[in-house]
N, C-alpha and C. Protein backbone atom coordinates (compact mmCIF):
# COMPACT_ATOMS: atom_id res chain seq x y z
N MET A 1 -7.19 130.56 9.03
CA MET A 1 -7.88 131.14 9.61
C MET A 1 -7.22 132.27 10.91
N LYS A 2 -8.09 133.39 10.54
CA LYS A 2 -7.84 135.00 11.03
C LYS A 2 -9.34 135.53 12.40
N GLU A 3 -8.59 135.44 13.29
CA GLU A 3 -10.18 136.15 13.81
C GLU A 3 -9.61 137.19 14.02
N THR A 4 -10.46 138.85 14.96
CA THR A 4 -10.66 139.41 14.88
C THR A 4 -11.11 139.63 17.13
N LEU A 5 -10.47 140.29 18.35
CA LEU A 5 -10.82 139.77 19.39
C LEU A 5 -11.34 141.16 20.09
N ARG A 6 -11.67 141.48 20.95
CA ARG A 6 -11.38 143.10 22.16
C ARG A 6 -11.02 142.29 22.99
N VAL A 7 -9.93 142.16 24.25
CA VAL A 7 -9.46 142.35 25.16
C VAL A 7 -8.80 142.73 25.68
N LYS A 8 -9.58 143.18 27.30
CA LYS A 8 -8.74 143.71 28.21
C LYS A 8 -7.39 143.25 28.56
N GLU A 9 -6.78 143.88 29.57
CA GLU A 9 -6.24 143.02 29.87
C GLU A 9 -5.99 141.98 31.59
N GLU A 10 -7.57 142.05 31.60
CA GLU A 10 -7.85 141.57 32.91
C GLU A 10 -8.70 139.99 31.56
N ASP A 11 -8.35 139.75 31.06
CA ASP A 11 -8.63 138.60 29.88
C ASP A 11 -7.10 137.64 28.94
N MET A 12 -6.45 138.57 29.40
CA MET A 12 -4.91 138.90 28.18
C MET A 12 -4.97 136.44 28.94
N ASN A 13 -5.32 136.45 29.72
CA ASN A 13 -4.94 134.72 30.47
C ASN A 13 -6.30 134.20 28.95
N GLY A 14 -6.91 134.29 28.61
CA GLY A 14 -7.75 133.78 27.75
C GLY A 14 -7.38 133.71 26.53
N LEU A 15 -6.39 135.00 26.36
CA LEU A 15 -6.42 135.38 25.40
C LEU A 15 -5.11 133.90 24.98
N ALA A 16 -4.64 134.04 25.68
CA ALA A 16 -3.45 133.57 25.80
C ALA A 16 -3.43 131.60 26.06
N PHE A 17 -4.79 131.34 26.65
CA PHE A 17 -4.77 130.14 26.25
C PHE A 17 -5.10 129.63 25.11
N LYS A 18 -6.26 130.02 24.85
CA LYS A 18 -6.52 129.85 23.13
C LYS A 18 -4.94 129.69 22.02
N VAL A 19 -4.48 130.63 22.79
CA VAL A 19 -3.34 130.80 21.70
C VAL A 19 -2.77 128.73 22.68
N SER A 20 -2.55 128.96 23.08
CA SER A 20 -1.87 127.53 23.49
C SER A 20 -2.01 126.31 23.02
N GLU A 21 -3.95 126.43 22.98
CA GLU A 21 -4.65 125.02 22.86
C GLU A 21 -4.17 125.01 20.69
N ILE A 22 -4.40 126.75 20.44
CA ILE A 22 -3.86 126.09 18.59
C ILE A 22 -2.41 125.83 18.51
N LEU A 23 -1.51 125.89 19.30
CA LEU A 23 0.06 125.84 19.35
C LEU A 23 0.57 124.34 19.53
N THR A 24 -0.67 123.42 20.60
CA THR A 24 -0.75 121.55 21.25
C THR A 24 -1.23 121.26 19.87
N SER A 25 -2.45 121.56 19.69
CA SER A 25 -3.30 121.08 18.37
C SER A 25 -2.96 120.32 17.30
N HIS A 26 -1.69 121.07 16.30
CA HIS A 26 -0.28 120.78 16.08
C HIS A 26 0.55 120.20 16.43
N ASN A 27 1.05 118.65 15.99
CA ASN A 27 2.26 118.26 16.23
C ASN A 27 3.48 118.07 15.06
N THR A 28 4.56 119.19 15.45
CA THR A 28 5.46 119.35 14.69
C THR A 28 6.66 118.74 15.03
N ASN A 29 8.47 118.90 14.62
CA ASN A 29 8.68 118.61 14.14
C ASN A 29 10.18 119.68 14.58
N HIS A 30 9.41 120.92 14.78
CA HIS A 30 10.10 121.81 15.56
C HIS A 30 9.52 122.86 17.07
N ALA A 31 10.02 124.25 17.10
CA ALA A 31 9.16 124.62 17.92
C ALA A 31 8.32 125.94 17.43
N LYS A 32 7.37 126.01 17.91
CA LYS A 32 6.59 126.38 18.54
C LYS A 32 6.55 128.35 17.67
N VAL A 33 6.42 129.22 16.76
CA VAL A 33 6.67 130.50 17.29
C VAL A 33 5.16 131.34 17.00
N VAL A 34 5.49 132.04 17.60
CA VAL A 34 4.21 133.41 17.72
C VAL A 34 4.99 134.21 17.76
N LEU A 35 4.36 135.30 16.99
CA LEU A 35 4.74 136.67 16.48
C LEU A 35 4.01 137.66 16.34
N LEU A 36 4.11 138.80 17.01
CA LEU A 36 3.74 139.60 18.50
C LEU A 36 3.71 141.10 17.37
N GLU A 37 3.06 141.45 16.92
CA GLU A 37 3.55 143.09 16.87
C GLU A 37 2.49 144.09 17.43
N GLY A 38 2.93 145.54 16.68
CA GLY A 38 1.15 146.17 17.60
C GLY A 38 2.58 147.48 18.36
N ASP A 39 2.13 148.57 18.45
CA ASP A 39 2.82 149.81 18.60
C ASP A 39 3.64 149.64 20.20
N LEU A 40 4.72 149.92 20.72
CA LEU A 40 4.68 150.18 22.06
C LEU A 40 3.81 150.35 23.02
N GLY A 41 3.70 149.97 23.87
CA GLY A 41 2.79 149.52 25.06
C GLY A 41 1.48 148.96 24.79
N ALA A 42 1.17 147.23 23.30
CA ALA A 42 0.18 147.88 23.11
C ALA A 42 -0.02 146.56 23.34
N GLY A 43 0.96 145.58 24.54
CA GLY A 43 -0.22 144.32 25.03
C GLY A 43 0.91 143.00 25.15
N LYS A 44 1.85 143.13 24.01
CA LYS A 44 2.24 141.82 23.71
C LYS A 44 3.45 141.36 25.57
N THR A 45 4.24 142.25 26.11
CA THR A 45 4.76 141.31 26.87
C THR A 45 3.90 141.13 27.89
N THR A 46 2.12 141.74 27.70
CA THR A 46 1.48 141.65 28.65
C THR A 46 1.07 140.19 28.34
N PHE A 47 0.37 140.13 26.79
CA PHE A 47 0.59 139.25 26.74
C PHE A 47 1.13 137.58 26.63
N THR A 48 2.85 138.04 26.54
CA THR A 48 3.86 136.60 27.08
C THR A 48 3.65 136.30 28.38
N LYS A 49 3.41 136.87 29.44
CA LYS A 49 3.17 136.81 30.56
C LYS A 49 2.43 136.13 30.45
N ALA A 50 1.04 136.32 30.55
CA ALA A 50 -0.12 135.24 29.96
C ALA A 50 0.25 134.14 29.74
N LEU A 51 0.92 133.77 28.52
CA LEU A 51 1.06 133.17 27.86
C LEU A 51 2.13 131.95 28.84
N ALA A 52 2.87 132.46 29.35
CA ALA A 52 4.42 132.16 30.21
C ALA A 52 3.85 131.61 30.88
N PHE A 53 2.20 131.89 31.76
CA PHE A 53 1.06 131.62 33.12
C PHE A 53 0.81 130.01 32.37
N THR A 54 0.38 130.13 31.20
CA THR A 54 -0.36 128.25 30.47
C THR A 54 0.82 127.36 30.52
N LEU A 55 1.82 128.28 30.32
CA LEU A 55 2.59 127.01 30.30
C LEU A 55 3.28 126.83 31.75
N GLY A 56 2.78 127.07 32.56
CA GLY A 56 4.06 126.89 33.95
C GLY A 56 4.89 127.87 33.88
N ILE A 57 4.67 128.34 33.58
CA ILE A 57 5.68 130.20 34.51
C ILE A 57 4.81 130.90 35.26
N GLU A 58 5.23 131.41 36.62
CA GLU A 58 5.31 132.42 37.71
C GLU A 58 5.40 133.70 36.41
N LYS A 59 4.48 134.46 36.41
CA LYS A 59 3.80 135.54 35.48
C LYS A 59 5.54 136.76 36.11
N ASP A 60 5.58 136.75 37.39
CA ASP A 60 6.66 137.74 37.88
C ASP A 60 8.03 137.33 37.63
N LYS A 61 8.19 136.01 36.61
CA LYS A 61 9.56 136.37 36.26
C LYS A 61 9.80 136.97 35.28
N VAL A 62 9.03 136.83 33.70
CA VAL A 62 9.45 137.34 32.78
C VAL A 62 9.07 138.67 32.36
N HIS A 63 9.80 139.28 32.08
CA HIS A 63 9.65 140.71 31.57
C HIS A 63 10.55 140.63 30.22
N SER A 64 10.80 141.96 29.69
CA SER A 64 10.46 142.38 27.76
C SER A 64 12.46 141.80 28.06
N PRO A 65 12.22 141.30 26.73
CA PRO A 65 13.80 141.48 26.89
C PRO A 65 14.10 142.28 25.86
N THR A 66 13.57 143.94 26.14
CA THR A 66 14.02 144.84 25.26
C THR A 66 16.25 144.89 24.93
N PHE A 67 16.97 145.32 25.71
CA PHE A 67 17.72 145.11 26.36
C PHE A 67 18.73 144.64 26.09
N ILE A 68 18.24 143.05 26.55
CA ILE A 68 19.15 141.51 26.01
C ILE A 68 18.71 140.55 25.06
N LEU A 69 17.59 140.66 24.76
CA LEU A 69 17.24 140.51 23.47
C LEU A 69 16.19 139.54 23.33
N LYS A 70 17.34 138.34 24.41
CA LYS A 70 16.54 137.10 24.69
C LYS A 70 16.06 136.95 25.48
N LYS A 71 15.64 135.86 26.56
CA LYS A 71 15.20 135.34 27.53
C LYS A 71 14.39 133.25 27.57
N GLU A 72 15.17 132.74 28.42
CA GLU A 72 14.57 131.88 28.37
C GLU A 72 14.73 131.24 30.03
N TYR A 73 13.04 130.67 29.17
CA TYR A 73 12.38 130.44 31.19
C TYR A 73 12.31 128.35 30.55
N ASP A 74 12.05 127.68 32.22
CA ASP A 74 11.61 127.12 32.16
C ASP A 74 10.43 127.23 32.16
N ALA A 75 9.60 125.65 31.30
CA ALA A 75 8.05 125.71 30.94
C ALA A 75 7.51 124.73 32.01
N GLU A 76 6.45 124.51 32.92
CA GLU A 76 6.10 123.03 33.35
C GLU A 76 4.57 122.84 32.39
N HIS A 77 4.32 122.42 31.33
CA HIS A 77 3.82 122.58 30.91
C HIS A 77 3.70 120.41 29.82
N MET A 78 2.27 119.89 29.62
CA MET A 78 2.23 118.62 29.37
C MET A 78 3.54 118.26 27.92
N VAL A 79 3.57 119.51 27.19
CA VAL A 79 4.14 120.25 25.87
C VAL A 79 5.36 120.24 25.71
N PHE A 80 5.48 121.53 26.47
CA PHE A 80 6.27 122.28 26.19
C PHE A 80 7.51 122.63 27.55
N LYS A 81 8.19 122.17 27.31
CA LYS A 81 9.44 122.82 28.17
C LYS A 81 9.94 123.56 28.32
N LYS A 82 9.47 125.17 26.92
CA LYS A 82 11.23 126.37 27.62
C LYS A 82 10.17 127.28 26.51
N LEU A 83 9.97 128.43 27.09
CA LEU A 83 9.88 129.31 26.22
C LEU A 83 10.91 130.62 26.11
N ILE A 84 11.45 130.52 25.39
CA ILE A 84 11.86 131.91 24.60
C ILE A 84 11.06 133.05 24.41
N HIS A 85 11.80 134.51 25.03
CA HIS A 85 10.73 135.53 24.51
C HIS A 85 11.74 136.47 23.96
N VAL A 86 11.92 136.82 22.40
CA VAL A 86 12.85 137.68 21.88
C VAL A 86 12.03 138.66 21.60
N ASP A 87 12.42 139.55 21.67
CA ASP A 87 12.57 141.50 21.22
C ASP A 87 13.56 141.95 20.07
N ALA A 88 12.76 142.03 19.13
CA ALA A 88 13.26 142.48 18.39
C ALA A 88 13.41 143.76 18.15
N TYR A 89 12.79 144.80 19.13
CA TYR A 89 13.04 146.15 19.10
C TYR A 89 14.68 146.82 18.33
N ARG A 90 14.47 146.82 18.45
CA ARG A 90 16.16 147.33 18.29
C ARG A 90 17.75 146.57 17.52
N PHE A 91 16.64 145.91 16.64
CA PHE A 91 17.59 145.59 15.23
C PHE A 91 17.49 146.86 14.10
N THR A 92 17.87 147.44 13.49
CA THR A 92 17.97 147.76 12.36
C THR A 92 17.98 146.89 11.03
N HIS A 93 18.40 145.80 11.21
CA HIS A 93 18.21 145.26 9.88
C HIS A 93 18.31 142.85 10.09
N PRO A 94 17.12 142.19 9.54
CA PRO A 94 17.08 141.63 9.53
C PRO A 94 18.72 140.50 9.84
N THR A 95 19.78 140.72 8.99
CA THR A 95 21.35 139.83 10.32
C THR A 95 21.67 140.12 11.52
N GLU A 96 21.26 141.32 12.23
CA GLU A 96 21.46 141.58 13.58
C GLU A 96 20.87 140.76 13.91
N ALA A 97 19.02 139.79 13.83
CA ALA A 97 19.11 138.53 14.08
C ALA A 97 20.31 137.07 15.11
N LYS A 98 20.99 136.93 13.82
CA LYS A 98 21.58 136.49 13.83
C LYS A 98 22.32 136.36 15.75
N VAL A 99 22.25 137.64 16.26
CA VAL A 99 23.68 137.08 17.45
C VAL A 99 22.34 136.04 19.11
N LEU A 100 21.29 136.00 18.03
CA LEU A 100 20.44 135.52 18.48
C LEU A 100 20.85 133.93 19.12
N ARG A 101 21.42 133.46 17.87
CA ARG A 101 21.33 131.67 17.93
C ARG A 101 20.67 131.71 18.06
N LEU A 102 18.58 131.48 17.28
CA LEU A 102 18.07 130.53 17.53
C LEU A 102 18.05 129.60 16.59
N GLU A 103 18.98 129.34 15.41
CA GLU A 103 18.31 128.32 15.06
C GLU A 103 18.48 126.60 15.94
N GLU A 104 19.32 126.21 16.98
CA GLU A 104 19.15 125.54 18.04
C GLU A 104 17.69 125.67 18.60
N ASP A 105 17.13 126.52 19.23
CA ASP A 105 15.01 127.04 19.58
C ASP A 105 14.95 126.38 18.77
N LEU A 106 14.31 126.78 17.55
CA LEU A 106 14.06 126.55 16.32
C LEU A 106 13.42 125.22 16.39
N LYS A 107 14.43 124.45 16.33
CA LYS A 107 14.70 122.88 15.97
C LYS A 107 13.66 122.27 17.26
N ASN A 108 13.60 122.71 17.82
CA ASN A 108 13.42 122.23 19.45
C ASN A 108 11.93 122.00 19.90
N PRO A 109 10.97 120.65 19.15
CA PRO A 109 10.11 120.68 19.31
C PRO A 109 8.61 120.88 20.09
N GLU A 110 9.44 121.49 22.08
CA GLU A 110 9.15 121.40 22.94
C GLU A 110 9.60 122.47 23.51
N SER A 111 9.88 123.52 22.75
CA SER A 111 9.92 124.63 22.73
C SER A 111 8.92 125.86 22.12
N VAL A 112 8.18 127.31 23.01
CA VAL A 112 7.34 128.06 22.40
C VAL A 112 8.85 129.67 22.12
N VAL A 113 8.54 129.37 20.96
CA VAL A 113 9.41 130.79 20.56
C VAL A 113 7.99 132.32 20.17
N VAL A 114 8.05 133.39 21.01
CA VAL A 114 7.53 134.27 20.85
C VAL A 114 8.56 135.83 20.44
N VAL A 115 8.07 136.31 19.86
CA VAL A 115 9.41 137.47 19.28
C VAL A 115 7.57 138.76 18.77
N GLU A 116 8.15 139.81 19.82
CA GLU A 116 7.81 141.63 20.00
C GLU A 116 8.76 141.28 18.75
N TRP A 117 7.70 142.15 17.17
CA TRP A 117 8.71 143.75 16.60
C TRP A 117 9.50 141.96 15.84
N PRO A 118 8.36 141.38 14.57
CA PRO A 118 9.00 140.49 14.81
C PRO A 118 8.95 140.86 12.65
N SER A 119 8.89 141.61 11.58
CA SER A 119 9.35 142.11 10.80
C SER A 119 10.50 142.66 10.93
N LYS A 120 10.87 142.86 12.19
CA LYS A 120 12.60 142.99 12.09
C LYS A 120 13.49 141.90 11.89
N MET A 121 12.57 140.60 11.74
CA MET A 121 13.48 139.22 11.75
C MET A 121 12.89 139.05 10.56
N SER A 122 12.45 139.16 9.49
CA SER A 122 11.29 138.26 8.50
C SER A 122 11.44 137.19 8.28
N TYR A 123 12.81 136.50 8.59
CA TYR A 123 12.69 135.39 8.19
C TYR A 123 12.45 134.02 8.63
N LEU A 124 11.65 134.93 9.85
CA LEU A 124 10.79 133.41 10.95
C LEU A 124 9.23 133.44 10.93
N LYS A 125 9.13 131.96 10.28
CA LYS A 125 7.76 131.62 10.02
C LYS A 125 6.90 131.22 11.10
N SER A 126 5.45 131.45 11.34
CA SER A 126 4.99 131.26 12.60
C SER A 126 3.98 130.83 12.65
N ASP A 127 3.85 129.78 13.61
CA ASP A 127 2.88 129.15 13.66
C ASP A 127 1.13 130.05 14.15
N VAL A 128 1.78 130.89 15.27
CA VAL A 128 0.51 132.18 15.08
C VAL A 128 0.96 133.39 15.13
N GLU A 129 -0.02 134.39 14.62
CA GLU A 129 0.49 135.68 14.78
C GLU A 129 -0.54 136.69 15.42
N LEU A 130 -0.19 137.16 15.75
CA LEU A 130 -1.37 138.45 17.27
C LEU A 130 -0.57 139.92 16.63
N GLU A 131 -1.57 140.27 16.08
CA GLU A 131 -1.05 142.03 15.84
C GLU A 131 -2.58 142.72 16.81
N PHE A 132 -1.50 143.82 17.88
CA PHE A 132 -2.29 144.26 18.60
C PHE A 132 -2.26 145.71 18.84
N THR A 133 -4.02 145.76 18.71
CA THR A 133 -3.91 148.28 18.28
C THR A 133 -4.41 148.04 19.61
N VAL A 134 -3.82 150.05 19.90
CA VAL A 134 -5.00 149.96 21.11
C VAL A 134 -6.04 150.28 20.47
N VAL A 135 -7.33 150.71 21.72
CA VAL A 135 -8.66 151.22 21.78
C VAL A 135 -8.66 151.97 22.59
N ASP A 136 -8.51 151.84 23.67
CA ASP A 136 -8.21 152.59 24.78
C ASP A 136 -6.68 152.99 26.05
N ASP A 137 -7.41 152.49 26.73
CA ASP A 137 -6.58 152.55 27.79
C ASP A 137 -6.46 150.77 28.76
N ASP A 138 -7.81 150.95 28.86
CA ASP A 138 -8.02 149.00 28.79
C ASP A 138 -8.11 148.05 27.75
N THR A 139 -8.55 148.37 26.48
CA THR A 139 -8.71 147.51 25.58
C THR A 139 -8.50 147.27 25.08
N ARG A 140 -7.09 145.60 24.63
CA ARG A 140 -7.04 146.07 22.38
C ARG A 140 -7.70 145.44 21.60
N GLU A 141 -7.39 145.32 20.45
CA GLU A 141 -8.41 144.80 19.41
C GLU A 141 -6.71 143.74 18.93
N VAL A 142 -7.14 142.48 19.14
CA VAL A 142 -5.69 141.48 18.80
C VAL A 142 -6.48 141.02 18.01
N THR A 143 -5.52 140.97 16.44
CA THR A 143 -6.19 140.25 15.66
C THR A 143 -5.12 138.80 15.81
N ILE A 144 -5.37 137.44 15.46
CA ILE A 144 -5.17 135.73 15.17
C ILE A 144 -4.84 135.57 13.83
N THR A 145 -4.38 135.20 13.66
CA THR A 145 -3.81 134.56 12.70
C THR A 145 -3.06 133.41 12.62
N TYR A 146 -4.36 132.15 12.27
CA TYR A 146 -2.97 130.52 12.99
C TYR A 146 -3.89 129.68 11.50
N GLY A 147 -3.10 128.69 11.72
CA GLY A 147 -3.40 127.62 10.47
C GLY A 147 -3.02 127.71 9.40
N LYS A 148 -2.54 128.70 8.73
CA LYS A 148 -2.06 129.93 7.18
C LYS A 148 -0.78 127.77 6.46
N GLU A 149 -1.06 128.08 5.04
CA GLU A 149 -0.92 126.94 5.09
C GLU A 149 1.07 127.66 4.03
């Protein structure tokens, strides 16, 4: 399924809630993967903070892992117990992602793995993909794709 929404920053919690509902609606034996594409400043980290909030993590604790590449947060959600936030912006080749050691993280069905700039890690299969486009200072157009088989 694919849909496009216009979202203001104050609406980001609603978008995150929608994504968390999508993630909990399908039981799998692996982590849920959310891929975020969009230009710098398009709202990827803002969305991740909102998603973290829906998982029981304080927004203020969530920061972009641009320089350390990967951050993990303990979640207090009924299904998900961990949020793994990856920023692949600095990668120049998909093999560089091996330093993240995501294999174990991706096996854990109680984890949500959010990846910013996933085109730099082409091997990931997603449960939900979001593409952010800047409309103006306050508004983003977000295309959500999910339920692909």
